């Protein structure tokens, strides 16, 4: 009976990894759809989000059944509760990728992104995909040091987000209000996607250590004087 129980716990972890990989792929494909004005790809990203939703619903049902049947305590309880929270982060990440794809569909046959911002949006999309791939690796390996690195990696996304706003606030902006709104939304989607990847990694830290990520000193980083 206990073997079946731990197999079910492992399968919940497998579902989280699958969700992370799906939403990572989705943000990459949504970015391509946006920049290339590729309606077919945009539609495929929008439709594929249902798979992420289905995985989350299935994971929730299995987790609740485990709580009811097994009444786990200590580490096992932490696994179940933390997995539920991670699945919510991943589901929201999928929604954000879908939002990018829906904006691509809305502006078709044009691109919502001006040509002079293509490189920045491409970089944001690629970074979002890398962050989620790293989050999936953290789920698999339970590597606390790798998990803690994600927050540092997210600083790059914040910088790209600021770069977008510098363009929007520039007196030389010539693309109009509608495009400014589109770019503002896109920047927010990518920033929030990255935040969810970081959140997943932080939850793994808590899962492994029982401590919140903000309370742990990353390996190789000198302690703050007076702390």
Protein backbone atom coordinates (compact mmCIF):
# COMPACT_ATOMS: atom_id res chain seq x y z
CA UNK A 1 0.00 0.00 0.00
CA UNK A 2 2.81 2.41 0.92
CA UNK A 3 4.61 1.63 -2.37
CA UNK A 4 1.51 2.65 -4.31
CA UNK A 5 1.27 5.77 -2.18
CA UNK A 6 4.81 6.87 -2.96
CA UNK A 7 4.34 6.00 -6.63
CA UNK A 8 1.38 8.38 -6.63
CA UNK A 9 3.52 11.09 -5.04
CA UNK A 10 6.14 10.53 -7.76
CA UNK A 11 3.50 10.73 -10.46
CA UNK A 12 2.39 14.12 -9.16
CA UNK A 13 5.98 15.30 -9.58
CA UNK A 14 6.03 13.89 -13.11
CA UNK A 15 2.88 15.88 -13.94
CA UNK A 16 4.51 19.08 -12.69
CA UNK A 17 7.51 18.48 -14.96
CA UNK A 18 5.21 17.86 -17.92
CA UNK A 19 3.29 21.06 -17.20
CA UNK A 20 6.53 23.05 -16.96
CA UNK A 21 7.74 21.66 -20.28
CA UNK A 22 4.43 22.37 -21.98
CA UNK A 23 4.22 25.98 -20.83
CA UNK A 24 7.89 26.55 -21.67
CA UNK A 25 7.25 25.35 -25.20
CA UNK A 26 4.06 27.44 -25.36
CA UNK A 27 5.79 30.73 -24.54
CA UNK A 28 8.45 30.02 -27.15
CA UNK A 29 5.90 29.23 -29.85
CA UNK A 30 3.68 32.16 -28.84
CA UNK A 31 6.67 34.48 -29.25
CA UNK A 32 7.33 33.13 -32.73
CA UNK A 33 3.65 33.53 -33.61
CA UNK A 34 3.76 37.13 -32.38
CA UNK A 35 6.90 38.18 -34.23
CA UNK A 36 6.16 36.29 -37.45
CA UNK A 37 2.41 37.04 -37.48
CA UNK A 38 1.89 33.28 -37.73
CA UNK A 39 -1.83 32.71 -37.21
CA UNK A 40 -1.62 28.92 -37.40
CA UNK A 41 0.98 28.77 -34.66
CA UNK A 42 -0.97 31.23 -32.51
CA UNK A 43 -4.07 29.06 -32.79
CA UNK A 44 -2.08 25.95 -31.86
CA UNK A 45 -0.76 27.63 -28.68
CA UNK A 46 -4.26 28.75 -27.71
CA UNK A 47 -5.69 25.26 -28.23
CA UNK A 48 -2.81 23.50 -26.47
CA UNK A 49 -3.45 25.38 -23.21
CA UNK A 50 -6.33 22.99 -22.56
CA UNK A 51 -3.77 20.21 -22.02
CA UNK A 52 -2.13 22.24 -19.25
CA UNK A 53 -5.52 22.90 -17.65
CA UNK A 54 -6.39 19.20 -17.82
CA UNK A 55 -3.09 18.25 -16.17
CA UNK A 56 -3.69 20.71 -13.37
CA UNK A 57 -7.22 19.47 -12.75
CA UNK A 58 -6.02 15.86 -12.72
CA UNK A 59 -3.14 16.72 -10.38
CA UNK A 60 -5.50 18.52 -8.00
CA UNK A 61 -7.88 15.56 -7.95
CA UNK A 62 -5.05 13.10 -7.20
CA UNK A 63 -3.54 15.35 -4.53
CA UNK A 64 -6.88 15.81 -2.76
CA UNK A 65 -7.50 12.06 -2.91
CA UNK A 66 -4.11 11.45 -1.30
CA UNK A 67 -4.87 13.94 1.45
CA UNK A 68 -8.20 12.25 2.12
CA UNK A 69 -7.01 8.62 1.96
CA UNK A 70 -3.51 8.77 3.38
CA UNK A 71 -3.62 11.84 5.64
CA UNK A 72 0.09 12.48 5.05
CA UNK A 73 2.21 14.26 7.64
CA UNK A 74 5.62 15.98 7.74
CA UNK A 75 7.53 15.80 4.44
CA UNK A 76 4.82 13.97 2.51
CA UNK A 77 2.24 16.61 3.46
CA UNK A 78 4.66 19.31 2.34
CA UNK A 79 5.07 17.54 -1.02
CA UNK A 80 1.32 17.42 -1.65
CA UNK A 81 0.55 20.98 -0.58
CA UNK A 82 3.56 22.47 -2.36
CA UNK A 83 2.75 20.53 -5.54
CA UNK A 84 -0.74 22.05 -5.57
CA UNK A 85 0.76 25.52 -5.37
CA UNK A 86 3.31 24.80 -8.09
CA UNK A 87 0.59 23.50 -10.38
CA UNK A 88 -1.27 26.79 -9.94
CA UNK A 89 1.88 28.73 -10.91
CA UNK A 90 2.34 26.57 -13.98
CA UNK A 91 -1.29 26.83 -15.03
CA UNK A 92 -1.07 30.63 -14.83
CA UNK A 93 2.13 30.50 -16.89
CA UNK A 94 0.22 28.63 -19.57
CA UNK A 95 -2.47 31.31 -19.51
CA UNK A 96 0.18 34.00 -20.03
CA UNK A 97 1.59 32.17 -23.05
CA UNK A 98 -1.96 31.92 -24.36
CA UNK A 99 -2.41 35.69 -23.86
CA UNK A 100 0.64 36.31 -26.06
CA UNK A 101 -0.79 34.01 -28.73
CA UNK A 102 -4.21 35.68 -28.53
CA UNK A 103 -2.62 39.07 -29.08
CA UNK A 104 -0.81 37.67 -32.11
CA UNK A 105 -4.14 36.40 -33.43
CA UNK A 106 -5.87 39.72 -32.71
CA UNK A 107 -3.34 41.72 -34.76
CA UNK A 108 -3.01 39.23 -37.63
CA UNK A 109 -2.01 39.72 -40.45
CA UNK A 110 0.16 42.39 -38.83
CA UNK A 111 2.52 41.93 -35.90
CA UNK A 112 1.70 43.71 -32.66
CA UNK A 113 5.42 44.38 -32.21
CA UNK A 114 7.19 47.15 -34.15
CA UNK A 115 10.22 46.01 -36.07
CA UNK A 116 12.60 48.00 -33.83
CA UNK A 117 11.39 46.03 -30.77
CA UNK A 118 11.50 42.56 -32.32
CA UNK A 119 14.93 41.79 -30.87
CA UNK A 120 13.84 42.76 -27.34
CA UNK A 121 10.64 40.72 -27.46
CA UNK A 122 12.50 37.75 -28.95
CA UNK A 123 15.02 37.94 -26.11
CA UNK A 124 12.21 38.10 -23.53
CA UNK A 125 10.53 35.07 -25.07
CA UNK A 126 13.74 33.06 -25.17
CA UNK A 127 14.60 34.02 -21.60
CA UNK A 128 11.11 33.05 -20.40
CA UNK A 129 11.53 29.65 -22.05
CA UNK A 130 14.96 29.14 -20.46
CA UNK A 131 13.69 30.09 -17.01
CA UNK A 132 10.86 27.58 -17.25
CA UNK A 133 13.23 24.88 -18.50
CA UNK A 134 15.41 25.54 -15.48
CA UNK A 135 12.33 25.38 -13.23
CA UNK A 136 11.51 21.96 -14.70
CA UNK A 137 15.07 20.84 -13.97
CA UNK A 138 14.72 22.05 -10.39
CA UNK A 139 11.53 20.01 -9.97
CA UNK A 140 13.35 16.90 -11.21
CA UNK A 141 16.65 17.33 -9.38
CA UNK A 142 15.46 19.13 -6.22
CA UNK A 143 18.67 21.18 -6.57
CA UNK A 144 18.35 24.02 -4.06
CA UNK A 145 21.34 25.99 -5.41
CA UNK A 146 19.94 25.86 -8.94
CA UNK A 147 16.54 26.94 -7.62
CA UNK A 148 18.05 29.93 -5.87
CA UNK A 149 19.81 30.96 -9.10
CA UNK A 150 16.49 31.53 -10.86
CA UNK A 151 15.77 34.70 -8.93
CA UNK A 152 19.11 36.10 -10.08
CA UNK A 153 18.33 35.05 -13.67
CA UNK A 154 15.00 36.87 -13.40
CA UNK A 155 16.87 40.16 -13.00
CA UNK A 156 17.63 39.92 -16.72
CA UNK A 157 13.90 39.81 -17.50
CA UNK A 158 13.31 42.85 -15.31
CA UNK A 159 16.00 44.72 -17.24
CA UNK A 160 14.40 43.79 -20.58
CA UNK A 161 11.06 44.96 -19.23
CA UNK A 162 12.60 48.31 -18.33
CA UNK A 163 14.07 48.53 -21.84
CA UNK A 164 10.58 48.22 -23.32
CA UNK A 165 9.34 51.08 -21.17
CA UNK A 166 12.28 53.24 -22.19
CA UNK A 167 11.14 52.82 -25.80
CA UNK A 168 7.53 53.58 -24.90
CA UNK A 169 8.44 56.75 -23.01
CA UNK A 170 10.84 58.00 -25.68
CA UNK A 171 9.66 61.18 -27.40
CA UNK A 172 10.59 59.54 -30.70
CA UNK A 173 7.94 56.80 -30.29
CA UNK A 174 6.02 56.83 -33.56
CA UNK A 175 3.89 53.68 -33.45
CA UNK A 176 0.73 55.05 -31.88
CA UNK A 177 -1.29 54.35 -28.75
CA UNK A 178 -2.69 50.94 -29.74
CA UNK A 179 0.78 49.52 -30.35
CA UNK A 180 2.00 51.09 -27.11
CA UNK A 181 -0.77 49.25 -25.25
CA UNK A 182 0.10 45.98 -27.01
CA UNK A 183 3.78 46.30 -26.11
CA UNK A 184 2.94 47.20 -22.52
CA UNK A 185 0.77 44.09 -22.21
CA UNK A 186 3.41 41.88 -23.79
CA UNK A 187 6.06 43.13 -21.40
CA UNK A 188 3.80 42.36 -18.47
CA UNK A 189 3.01 38.86 -19.77
CA UNK A 190 6.70 37.94 -20.06
CA UNK A 191 7.57 39.48 -16.70
CA UNK A 192 4.77 37.58 -14.94
CA UNK A 193 5.71 34.33 -16.73
CA UNK A 194 9.24 34.68 -15.39
CA UNK A 195 7.90 35.43 -11.91
CA UNK A 196 5.92 32.17 -11.95
CA UNK A 197 9.03 30.21 -12.96
CA UNK A 198 10.87 31.76 -10.02
CA UNK A 199 7.92 30.97 -7.75
CA UNK A 200 8.03 27.30 -8.77
CA UNK A 201 11.73 27.16 -7.96
CA UNK A 202 11.17 28.82 -4.58
CA UNK A 203 8.49 26.28 -3.74
CA UNK A 204 10.95 23.48 -4.48
CA UNK A 205 13.37 25.08 -2.01
CA UNK A 206 10.64 24.98 0.62
CA UNK A 207 9.76 21.43 -0.33
CA UNK A 208 13.35 20.26 0.15
CA UNK A 209 14.41 22.32 3.16
CA UNK A 210 11.26 23.35 4.96
CA UNK A 211 12.60 26.92 4.75
CA UNK A 212 11.54 29.76 2.49
CA UNK A 213 13.97 30.65 -0.29
CA UNK A 214 14.42 34.20 1.02
CA UNK A 215 15.84 32.77 4.27
CA UNK A 216 18.57 30.73 2.54
CA UNK A 217 21.99 32.02 1.47
CA UNK A 218 22.82 30.98 -2.13
CA UNK A 219 26.00 28.92 -2.45
CA UNK A 220 29.06 31.03 -3.14
CA UNK A 221 27.42 34.26 -2.04
CA UNK A 222 29.03 36.07 0.88
CA UNK A 223 26.77 36.67 3.85
CA UNK A 224 25.50 40.21 4.34
CA UNK A 225 27.52 41.98 7.00
CA UNK A 226 25.56 42.42 10.21
CA UNK A 227 22.99 39.77 9.18
